[in-house]
Structure formats: C-alpha cells, structure tokens
Amino acid sequence: MTTLDRMDAGLRALHLAEGQRMAQRLFSQVVATQVLRPGRSEEEADNRIALIAREVFGARAGRVRRRFVRSASNTVVGGPWPERVIGAQDLVVLDFEPLLAPYETGFARTVAVGDGLARRRLVQDLALVAAGARGAFRAAGSLTGRELHAEVRALAAGAGRILGSRHCGRLTGTPSGPHAAAVRPEALIGPDNDRPLRRTLEEGRPAHWLLQIRLVDGRRGHTAVHTELLGPA
C-alpha cells in the first residue's frame, strides 16, 4: 500500500468514526429531550428527530424521508411499517442509518419506554452482548466472521436470549434491508464467513465492520436492536 493509499484509508476511518460520534450525539439529544414519549406517533417522533438532526448533521439531514422510529410490533416486522402511537410500555428502535448514508456507516439503539422490567432487562442484555462482541473482536486478531457470530450467539444464549437474524453484522458500504440478500457471505458476520474480519479487501482498503445485533425475547415477542461501527481491520 502506497503512502497515498494509507492516507486515504486513514481518512476513511476518521470519516466513519465521525459519523458514529454524530449519531451518538443525536441519540443523546433525542433521549434528553424525551422525543419518545408515550402518546406521540412514530411519524411525529420522526419529524422531531429530523429537526434535531438538522442541527447536528446540517440541512441535508432534514431531507431524509425514511423511518427512524419503530415501536412495539413495528420492531419485529419488515417494512413498510404501519403508523402507530408509542405506548406507555413500548420498546422503541431508533435507526439512524439513513442519516449516516454519506458516512457509509450505521447506528441503531433500543429504548425502553416506561418502567416495564422485562423490556428494560432486554435492553440491558443487548448492551452486554454488544460489549462482549466488541471485546471478542479486539482480543483476537485472526477472528473470522463465523467465530464472532458464534461468540455473539453464545453471549445471547447466556443472557437467555436468541438472535433475531441469521447475521450479526456486515461490511460498511454494503446494502441492508431488502437488498441484503445480494451481499456475499464474506461481507457478513455470519455462520458462512470463514475469512478473517481483519483483512484487506480486494480493492486494497482495510475492512470496516458494522456490528448489528437483534435480540429476541421468545416468551414475550419483544425485539431489541443495536448497530454500531465495530472497528477497522
């Protein structure tokens, strides 16, 4: 890799990290201003987040027209999602990936509205599983996608949860949602990826990964989602 290539790779890593910092700042403001209050519709919460995002991301963010907020049953079914009002004891998923499109990264968090103990425990378990995944990634230099996926499954099982999707992450810049079927196994943190996560891609740049964990409470049907930049190769 030439000096110029290394500079480009370093700038891209900074670009990805900046997107995560901006998303974390936005999330903190959404929580602090109680955007996700009971009785507020998802659409109204979306609009309020877009207004806050203009302050954080600039005018471009206000033109994004894709759902940021999904509550209760809308967290477990694929779109298009029916409009609903946030309930007093809902789980609410905030997905900022549309806002982060220019940064090629993603960010999602789950908030437990109200004082429901089961929902709050699910969110806490999700944070612990995500922390364990980050630790496993940092500790093993030759970790494969299959191995990290197995680790995440074991962490989830240890918390009495199951994973709600076949994969738990993907390369930055790869499609998600309805286009995810076109993603190759080696670009996913999943059971079919036996390649090291820390590697140089065919185009000559380091791999950067998004951790995407969806935990399910099988008894109650609750789903919680966590997405973050896992780290560079």
C-alpha atoms as a PDB file:
ATOM      1  CA  MET A   1       0.000   0.000   0.000  1.00  0.00           C
ATOM      2  CA  THR A   2       1.439   3.366  -1.006  1.00  0.00           C
ATOM      3  CA  THR A   3       1.669   6.387   1.273  1.00  0.00           C
ATOM      4  CA  LEU A   4      -1.288   7.940  -0.568  1.00  0.00           C
ATOM      5  CA  ASP A   5      -3.326   4.772  -0.112  1.00  0.00           C
ATOM      6  CA  ARG A   6      -2.543   4.756   3.608  1.00  0.00           C
ATOM      7  CA  MET A   7      -3.635   8.377   3.850  1.00  0.00           C
ATOM      8  CA  ASP A   8      -6.903   7.573   2.056  1.00  0.00           C
ATOM      9  CA  ALA A   9      -7.508   4.612   4.376  1.00  0.00           C
ATOM     10  CA  GLY A  10      -6.836   6.770   7.412  1.00  0.00           C
ATOM     11  CA  LEU A  11      -9.190   9.494   6.221  1.00  0.00           C
ATOM     12  CA  ARG A  12     -11.936   6.942   5.592  1.00  0.00           C
ATOM     13  CA  ALA A  13     -11.536   5.544   9.108  1.00  0.00           C
ATOM     14  CA  LEU A  14     -11.844   9.057  10.521  1.00  0.00           C
ATOM     15  CA  HIS A  15     -14.902   9.655   8.322  1.00  0.00           C
ATOM     16  CA  LEU A  16     -16.624   6.525   9.627  1.00  0.00           C
ATOM     17  CA  ALA A  17     -15.776   7.351  13.231  1.00  0.00           C
ATOM     18  CA  GLU A  18     -17.087  10.905  12.828  1.00  0.00           C
ATOM     19  CA  GLY A  19     -20.430   9.528  11.642  1.00  0.00           C
ATOM     20  CA  GLN A  20     -20.660   7.413  14.788  1.00  0.00           C
ATOM     21  CA  ARG A  21     -19.857  10.365  17.025  1.00  0.00           C
ATOM     22  CA  MET A  22     -22.523  12.472  15.340  1.00  0.00           C
ATOM     23  CA  ALA A  23     -25.088   9.681  15.696  1.00  0.00           C
ATOM     24  CA  GLN A  24     -24.271   9.241  19.383  1.00  0.00           C
ATOM     25  CA  ARG A  25     -24.699  12.971  19.917  1.00  0.00           C
ATOM     26  CA  LEU A  26     -28.048  12.889  18.125  1.00  0.00           C
ATOM     27  CA  PHE A  27     -29.196   9.887  20.171  1.00  0.00           C
ATOM     28  CA  SER A  28     -28.243  11.627  23.418  1.00  0.00           C
ATOM     29  CA  GLN A  29     -30.257  14.688  22.421  1.00  0.00           C
ATOM     30  CA  VAL A  30     -33.282  12.581  21.446  1.00  0.00           C
ATOM     31  CA  VAL A  31     -33.240  10.873  24.847  1.00  0.00           C
ATOM     32  CA  ALA A  32     -32.578  14.085  26.777  1.00  0.00           C
ATOM     33  CA  THR A  33     -35.480  15.927  25.115  1.00  0.00           C
ATOM     34  CA  GLN A  34     -37.878  12.971  25.622  1.00  0.00           C
ATOM     35  CA  VAL A  35     -38.785  12.678  21.958  1.00  0.00           C
ATOM     36  CA  LEU A  36     -40.011   9.110  22.532  1.00  0.00           C
ATOM     37  CA  ARG A  37     -42.790   9.948  24.943  1.00  0.00           C
ATOM     38  CA  PRO A  38     -45.976   7.832  25.182  1.00  0.00           C
ATOM     39  CA  GLY A  39     -48.874   9.121  23.097  1.00  0.00           C
ATOM     40  CA  ARG A  40     -46.624  10.519  20.373  1.00  0.00           C
ATOM     41  CA  SER A  41     -46.918   8.936  16.938  1.00  0.00           C
ATOM     42  CA  GLU A  42     -43.882   7.447  15.237  1.00  0.00           C
ATOM     43  CA  GLU A  43     -44.280   9.993  12.453  1.00  0.00           C
ATOM     44  CA  GLU A  44     -44.233  12.887  14.896  1.00  0.00           C
ATOM     45  CA  ALA A  45     -41.142  11.444  16.589  1.00  0.00           C
ATOM     46  CA  ASP A  46     -39.516  11.067  13.146  1.00  0.00           C
ATOM     47  CA  ASN A  47     -40.192  14.713  12.378  1.00  0.00           C
ATOM     48  CA  ARG A  48     -38.794  15.892  15.691  1.00  0.00           C
ATOM     49  CA  ILE A  49     -35.645  13.817  15.190  1.00  0.00           C
ATOM     50  CA  ALA A  50     -35.225  15.306  11.709  1.00  0.00           C
ATOM     51  CA  LEU A  51     -35.347  18.799  13.242  1.00  0.00           C
ATOM     52  CA  ILE A  52     -32.691  17.885  15.804  1.00  0.00           C
ATOM     53  CA  ALA A  53     -30.630  16.191  13.069  1.00  0.00           C
ATOM     54  CA  ARG A  54     -30.510  19.432  11.088  1.00  0.00           C
ATOM     55  CA  GLU A  55     -28.644  20.974  13.989  1.00  0.00           C
ATOM     56  CA  VAL A  56     -26.254  18.009  14.228  1.00  0.00           C
ATOM     57  CA  PHE A  57     -25.803  16.962  10.594  1.00  0.00           C
ATOM     58  CA  GLY A  58     -26.745  20.099   8.667  1.00  0.00           C
ATOM     59  CA  ALA A  59     -29.570  20.864   6.237  1.00  0.00           C
ATOM     60  CA  ARG A  60     -29.079  17.681   4.209  1.00  0.00           C
ATOM     61  CA  ALA A  61     -30.369  15.526   7.073  1.00  0.00           C
ATOM     62  CA  GLY A  62     -33.743  17.242   7.027  1.00  0.00           C
ATOM     63  CA  ARG A  63     -34.429  15.905   3.528  1.00  0.00           C
ATOM     64  CA  VAL A  64     -34.149  12.243   4.542  1.00  0.00           C
ATOM     65  CA  ARG A  65     -37.551  10.551   4.269  1.00  0.00           C
ATOM     66  CA  ARG A  66     -37.178   7.122   5.784  1.00  0.00           C
ATOM     67  CA  ARG A  67     -38.450   5.844   9.095  1.00  0.00           C
ATOM     68  CA  PHE A  68     -36.110   6.454  12.049  1.00  0.00           C
ATOM     69  CA  VAL A  69     -38.506   5.338  14.780  1.00  0.00           C
ATOM     70  CA  ARG A  70     -40.168   1.928  15.099  1.00  0.00           C
ATOM     71  CA  SER A  71     -42.044   0.844  18.208  1.00  0.00           C
ATOM     72  CA  ALA A  72     -43.516  -2.386  19.610  1.00  0.00           C
ATOM     73  CA  SER A  73     -44.731  -4.661  16.783  1.00  0.00           C
ATOM     74  CA  ASN A  74     -43.025  -2.472  14.170  1.00  0.00           C
ATOM     75  CA  THR A  75     -39.655  -3.603  15.533  1.00  0.00           C
ATOM     76  CA  VAL A  76     -40.247  -7.215  14.509  1.00  0.00           C
ATOM     77  CA  VAL A  77     -41.785  -6.981  11.033  1.00  0.00           C
ATOM     78  CA  GLY A  78     -40.243  -5.822   7.775  1.00  0.00           C
ATOM     79  CA  GLY A  79     -41.346  -2.554   6.180  1.00  0.00           C
ATOM     80  CA  PRO A  80     -43.421  -0.836   5.127  1.00  0.00           C
ATOM     81  CA  TRP A  81     -44.451  -0.323   8.737  1.00  0.00           C
ATOM     82  CA  PRO A  82     -47.957   0.761   9.703  1.00  0.00           C
ATOM     83  CA  GLU A  83     -48.192   4.044  11.570  1.00  0.00           C
ATOM     84  CA  ARG A  84     -48.663   3.648  15.310  1.00  0.00           C
ATOM     85  CA  VAL A  85     -48.561   5.660  18.504  1.00  0.00           C
ATOM     86  CA  ILE A  86     -45.810   4.971  21.044  1.00  0.00           C
ATOM     87  CA  GLY A  87     -47.291   3.214  24.053  1.00  0.00           C
ATOM     88  CA  ALA A  88     -46.551   3.683  27.730  1.00  0.00           C
ATOM     89  CA  GLN A  89     -44.577   0.391  27.945  1.00  0.00           C
ATOM     90  CA  ASP A  90     -43.108   0.045  24.437  1.00  0.00           C
ATOM     91  CA  LEU A  91     -39.712  -0.886  23.131  1.00  0.00           C
ATOM     92  CA  VAL A  92     -38.657   1.711  20.544  1.00  0.00           C
ATOM     93  CA  VAL A  93     -35.882   1.236  17.989  1.00  0.00           C
ATOM     94  CA  LEU A  94     -34.055   4.292  16.680  1.00  0.00           C
ATOM     95  CA  ASP A  95     -32.270   3.578  13.392  1.00  0.00           C
ATOM     96  CA  PHE A  96     -30.104   6.453  12.148  1.00  0.00           C
ATOM     97  CA  GLU A  97     -28.607   4.641   9.167  1.00  0.00           C
ATOM     98  CA  PRO A  98     -30.474   6.863   6.633  1.00  0.00           C
ATOM     99  CA  LEU A  99     -28.882   9.917   8.212  1.00  0.00           C
ATOM    100  CA  LEU A 100     -25.452   8.292   8.120  1.00  0.00           C
ATOM    101  CA  ALA A 101     -25.570   7.280   4.452  1.00  0.00           C
ATOM    102  CA  PRO A 102     -22.880   9.843   3.497  1.00  0.00           C
ATOM    103  CA  TYR A 103     -20.627   8.214   6.126  1.00  0.00           C
ATOM    104  CA  GLU A 104     -21.197   4.601   4.914  1.00  0.00           C
ATOM    105  CA  THR A 105     -21.993   3.527   8.441  1.00  0.00           C
ATOM    106  CA  GLY A 106     -24.943   2.821  10.713  1.00  0.00           C
ATOM    107  CA  PHE A 107     -26.210   3.374  14.228  1.00  0.00           C
ATOM    108  CA  ALA A 108     -29.263   1.942  15.994  1.00  0.00           C
ATOM    109  CA  ARG A 109     -30.291   1.791  19.621  1.00  0.00           C
ATOM    110  CA  THR A 110     -33.321   0.495  21.510  1.00  0.00           C
ATOM    111  CA  VAL A 111     -35.083   2.467  24.229  1.00  0.00           C
ATOM    112  CA  ALA A 112     -37.479   1.005  26.802  1.00  0.00           C
ATOM    113  CA  VAL A 113     -40.317   3.471  27.352  1.00  0.00           C
ATOM    114  CA  GLY A 114     -41.896   3.324  30.785  1.00  0.00           C
ATOM    115  CA  ASP A 115     -40.848   1.153  33.717  1.00  0.00           C
ATOM    116  CA  GLY A 116     -41.534  -2.324  32.334  1.00  0.00           C
ATOM    117  CA  LEU A 117     -38.876  -4.533  33.913  1.00  0.00           C
ATOM    118  CA  ALA A 118     -38.839  -7.201  31.167  1.00  0.00           C
ATOM    119  CA  ARG A 119     -38.245  -4.645  28.421  1.00  0.00           C
ATOM    120  CA  ARG A 120     -35.554  -2.856  30.371  1.00  0.00           C
ATOM    121  CA  ARG A 121     -33.760  -6.134  31.030  1.00  0.00           C
ATOM    122  CA  LEU A 122     -33.820  -6.938  27.320  1.00  0.00           C
ATOM    123  CA  VAL A 123     -32.188  -3.580  26.514  1.00  0.00           C
ATOM    124  CA  GLN A 124     -29.597  -4.167  29.246  1.00  0.00           C
ATOM    125  CA  ASP A 125     -28.853  -7.664  27.941  1.00  0.00           C
ATOM    126  CA  LEU A 126     -28.443  -6.240  24.443  1.00  0.00           C
ATOM    127  CA  ALA A 127     -25.834  -3.753  25.675  1.00  0.00           C
ATOM    128  CA  LEU A 128     -23.935  -6.565  27.430  1.00  0.00           C
ATOM    129  CA  VAL A 129     -23.952  -8.755  24.305  1.00  0.00           C
ATOM    130  CA  ALA A 130     -22.712  -5.839  22.188  1.00  0.00           C
ATOM    131  CA  ALA A 131     -19.931  -5.118  24.683  1.00  0.00           C
ATOM    132  CA  GLY A 132     -18.928  -8.777  24.648  1.00  0.00           C
ATOM    133  CA  ALA A 133     -18.818  -8.770  20.848  1.00  0.00           C
ATOM    134  CA  ARG A 134     -16.591  -5.691  20.838  1.00  0.00           C
ATOM    135  CA  GLY A 135     -14.292  -7.327  23.355  1.00  0.00           C
ATOM    136  CA  ALA A 136     -14.043 -10.530  21.325  1.00  0.00           C
ATOM    137  CA  PHE A 137     -13.230  -8.568  18.170  1.00  0.00           C
ATOM    138  CA  ARG A 138     -10.472  -6.601  19.875  1.00  0.00           C
ATOM    139  CA  ALA A 139      -8.956  -9.602  21.628  1.00  0.00           C
ATOM    140  CA  ALA A 140      -8.475 -11.930  18.643  1.00  0.00           C
ATOM    141  CA  GLY A 141      -6.514 -10.640  15.658  1.00  0.00           C
ATOM    142  CA  SER A 142      -7.474 -13.534  13.368  1.00  0.00           C
ATOM    143  CA  LEU A 143     -11.143 -13.745  14.338  1.00  0.00           C
ATOM    144  CA  THR A 144     -13.381 -14.864  11.468  1.00  0.00           C
ATOM    145  CA  GLY A 145     -16.937 -13.821  10.749  1.00  0.00           C
ATOM    146  CA  ARG A 146     -18.098 -17.303  11.716  1.00  0.00           C
ATOM    147  CA  GLU A 147     -16.250 -17.197  15.024  1.00  0.00           C
ATOM    148  CA  LEU A 148     -17.593 -13.781  16.024  1.00  0.00           C
ATOM    149  CA  HIS A 149     -21.096 -14.855  15.049  1.00  0.00           C
ATOM    150  CA  ALA A 150     -20.754 -17.948  17.255  1.00  0.00           C
ATOM    151  CA  GLU A 151     -19.498 -15.753  20.106  1.00  0.00           C
ATOM    152  CA  VAL A 152     -22.485 -13.424  19.788  1.00  0.00           C
ATOM    153  CA  ARG A 153     -24.874 -16.375  19.751  1.00  0.00           C
ATOM    154  CA  ALA A 154     -23.249 -17.763  22.887  1.00  0.00           C
ATOM    155  CA  LEU A 155     -23.438 -14.375  24.625  1.00  0.00           C
ATOM    156  CA  ALA A 156     -27.110 -14.079  23.714  1.00  0.00           C
ATOM    157  CA  ALA A 157     -27.850 -17.597  24.929  1.00  0.00           C
ATOM    158  CA  GLY A 158     -26.035 -16.881  28.178  1.00  0.00           C
ATOM    159  CA  ALA A 159     -28.455 -13.997  28.724  1.00  0.00           C
ATOM    160  CA  GLY A 160     -31.428 -16.246  27.924  1.00  0.00           C
ATOM    161  CA  ARG A 161     -31.992 -14.609  24.532  1.00  0.00           C
ATOM    162  CA  ILE A 162     -31.916 -15.656  20.897  1.00  0.00           C
ATOM    163  CA  LEU A 163     -30.625 -13.791  17.873  1.00  0.00           C
ATOM    164  CA  GLY A 164     -33.368 -12.420  15.667  1.00  0.00           C
ATOM    165  CA  SER A 165     -31.424 -12.658  12.399  1.00  0.00           C
ATOM    166  CA  ARG A 166     -29.021 -15.030  10.678  1.00  0.00           C
ATOM    167  CA  HIS A 167     -26.181 -12.495  10.688  1.00  0.00           C
ATOM    168  CA  CYS A 168     -24.946 -10.030  13.273  1.00  0.00           C
ATOM    169  CA  GLY A 169     -23.051  -7.542  11.131  1.00  0.00           C
ATOM    170  CA  ARG A 170     -21.745  -6.558   7.720  1.00  0.00           C
ATOM    171  CA  LEU A 171     -19.043  -4.624   5.948  1.00  0.00           C
ATOM    172  CA  THR A 172     -19.606  -0.885   5.821  1.00  0.00           C
ATOM    173  CA  GLY A 173     -20.885   0.230   2.454  1.00  0.00           C
ATOM    174  CA  THR A 174     -22.821  -2.993   1.811  1.00  0.00           C
ATOM    175  CA  PRO A 175     -26.606  -2.891   1.376  1.00  0.00           C
ATOM    176  CA  SER A 176     -29.068  -3.595   4.170  1.00  0.00           C
ATOM    177  CA  GLY A 177     -32.799  -4.207   4.374  1.00  0.00           C
ATOM    178  CA  PRO A 178     -34.451  -5.600   1.238  1.00  0.00           C
ATOM    179  CA  HIS A 179     -31.169  -5.517  -0.697  1.00  0.00           C
ATOM    180  CA  ALA A 180     -29.196  -7.532   1.859  1.00  0.00           C
ATOM    181  CA  ALA A 181     -29.828 -10.817   0.023  1.00  0.00           C
ATOM    182  CA  ALA A 182     -27.295  -9.724  -2.594  1.00  0.00           C
ATOM    183  CA  VAL A 183     -24.490  -9.427  -0.011  1.00  0.00           C
ATOM    184  CA  ARG A 184     -21.816 -12.119  -0.254  1.00  0.00           C
ATOM    185  CA  PRO A 185     -21.175 -14.306   2.836  1.00  0.00           C
ATOM    186  CA  GLU A 186     -17.653 -12.943   3.269  1.00  0.00           C
ATOM    187  CA  ALA A 187     -19.127  -9.463   3.690  1.00  0.00           C
ATOM    188  CA  LEU A 188     -21.272 -10.585   6.641  1.00  0.00           C
ATOM    189  CA  ILE A 189     -20.596 -11.528  10.244  1.00  0.00           C
ATOM    190  CA  GLY A 190     -22.350 -14.844   9.938  1.00  0.00           C
ATOM    191  CA  PRO A 191     -22.002 -18.628  10.004  1.00  0.00           C
ATOM    192  CA  ASP A 192     -20.873 -18.827   6.354  1.00  0.00           C
ATOM    193  CA  ASN A 193     -17.959 -16.416   6.619  1.00  0.00           C
ATOM    194  CA  ASP A 194     -14.745 -18.264   7.452  1.00  0.00           C
ATOM    195  CA  ARG A 195     -12.480 -15.363   6.453  1.00  0.00           C
ATOM    196  CA  PRO A 196     -10.704 -13.133   8.990  1.00  0.00           C
ATOM    197  CA  LEU A 197     -12.555  -9.930   9.773  1.00  0.00           C
ATOM    198  CA  ARG A 198      -9.265  -8.069   9.904  1.00  0.00           C
ATOM    199  CA  ARG A 199      -8.164  -8.152   6.300  1.00  0.00           C
ATOM    200  CA  THR A 200      -7.516  -6.020   3.247  1.00  0.00           C
ATOM    201  CA  LEU A 201     -10.336  -6.076   0.713  1.00  0.00           C
ATOM    202  CA  GLU A 202      -9.932  -6.740  -2.996  1.00  0.00           C
ATOM    203  CA  GLU A 203     -10.000  -3.030  -3.738  1.00  0.00           C
ATOM    204  CA  GLY A 204      -6.984  -2.591  -1.457  1.00  0.00           C
ATOM    205  CA  ARG A 205      -8.581  -0.885   1.529  1.00  0.00           C
ATOM    206  CA  PRO A 206      -8.970  -2.214   5.088  1.00  0.00           C
ATOM    207  CA  ALA A 207     -12.251  -3.845   6.046  1.00  0.00           C
ATOM    208  CA  HIS A 208     -14.503  -1.900   8.419  1.00  0.00           C
ATOM    209  CA  TRP A 209     -17.414  -3.678  10.061  1.00  0.00           C
ATOM    210  CA  LEU A 210     -20.825  -2.784  11.414  1.00  0.00           C
ATOM    211  CA  LEU A 211     -21.996  -4.809  14.390  1.00  0.00           C
ATOM    212  CA  GLN A 212     -25.758  -5.427  14.047  1.00  0.00           C
ATOM    213  CA  ILE A 213     -27.379  -7.377  16.860  1.00  0.00           C
ATOM    214  CA  ARG A 214     -31.085  -8.136  17.093  1.00  0.00           C
ATOM    215  CA  LEU A 215     -32.113  -9.853  20.330  1.00  0.00           C
ATOM    216  CA  VAL A 216     -35.474 -11.518  20.813  1.00  0.00           C
ATOM    217  CA  ASP A 217     -37.333 -12.330  23.986  1.00  0.00           C
ATOM    218  CA  GLY A 218     -39.012 -15.505  22.760  1.00  0.00           C
ATOM    219  CA  ARG A 219     -41.621 -15.626  25.541  1.00  0.00           C
ATOM    220  CA  ARG A 220     -42.887 -12.070  25.140  1.00  0.00           C
ATOM    221  CA  GLY A 221     -42.093 -11.405  21.489  1.00  0.00           C
ATOM    222  CA  HIS A 222     -40.021  -8.312  22.243  1.00  0.00           C
ATOM    223  CA  THR A 223     -37.183  -7.346  19.896  1.00  0.00           C
ATOM    224  CA  ALA A 224     -34.259  -5.011  20.585  1.00  0.00           C
ATOM    225  CA  VAL A 225     -31.701  -3.782  18.032  1.00  0.00           C
ATOM    226  CA  HIS A 226     -28.155  -2.461  18.377  1.00  0.00           C
ATOM    227  CA  THR A 227     -25.977  -1.229  15.474  1.00  0.00           C
ATOM    228  CA  GLU A 228     -22.575   0.412  15.702  1.00  0.00           C
ATOM    229  CA  LEU A 229     -19.240   0.688  13.972  1.00  0.00           C
ATOM    230  CA  LEU A 230     -17.280  -2.315  15.234  1.00  0.00           C
ATOM    231  CA  GLY A 231     -13.889  -1.152  14.095  1.00  0.00           C
ATOM    232  CA  PRO A 232     -11.340  -1.205  11.300  1.00  0.00           C
ATOM    233  CA  ALA A 233      -9.346  -4.182  10.171  1.00  0.00           C
END
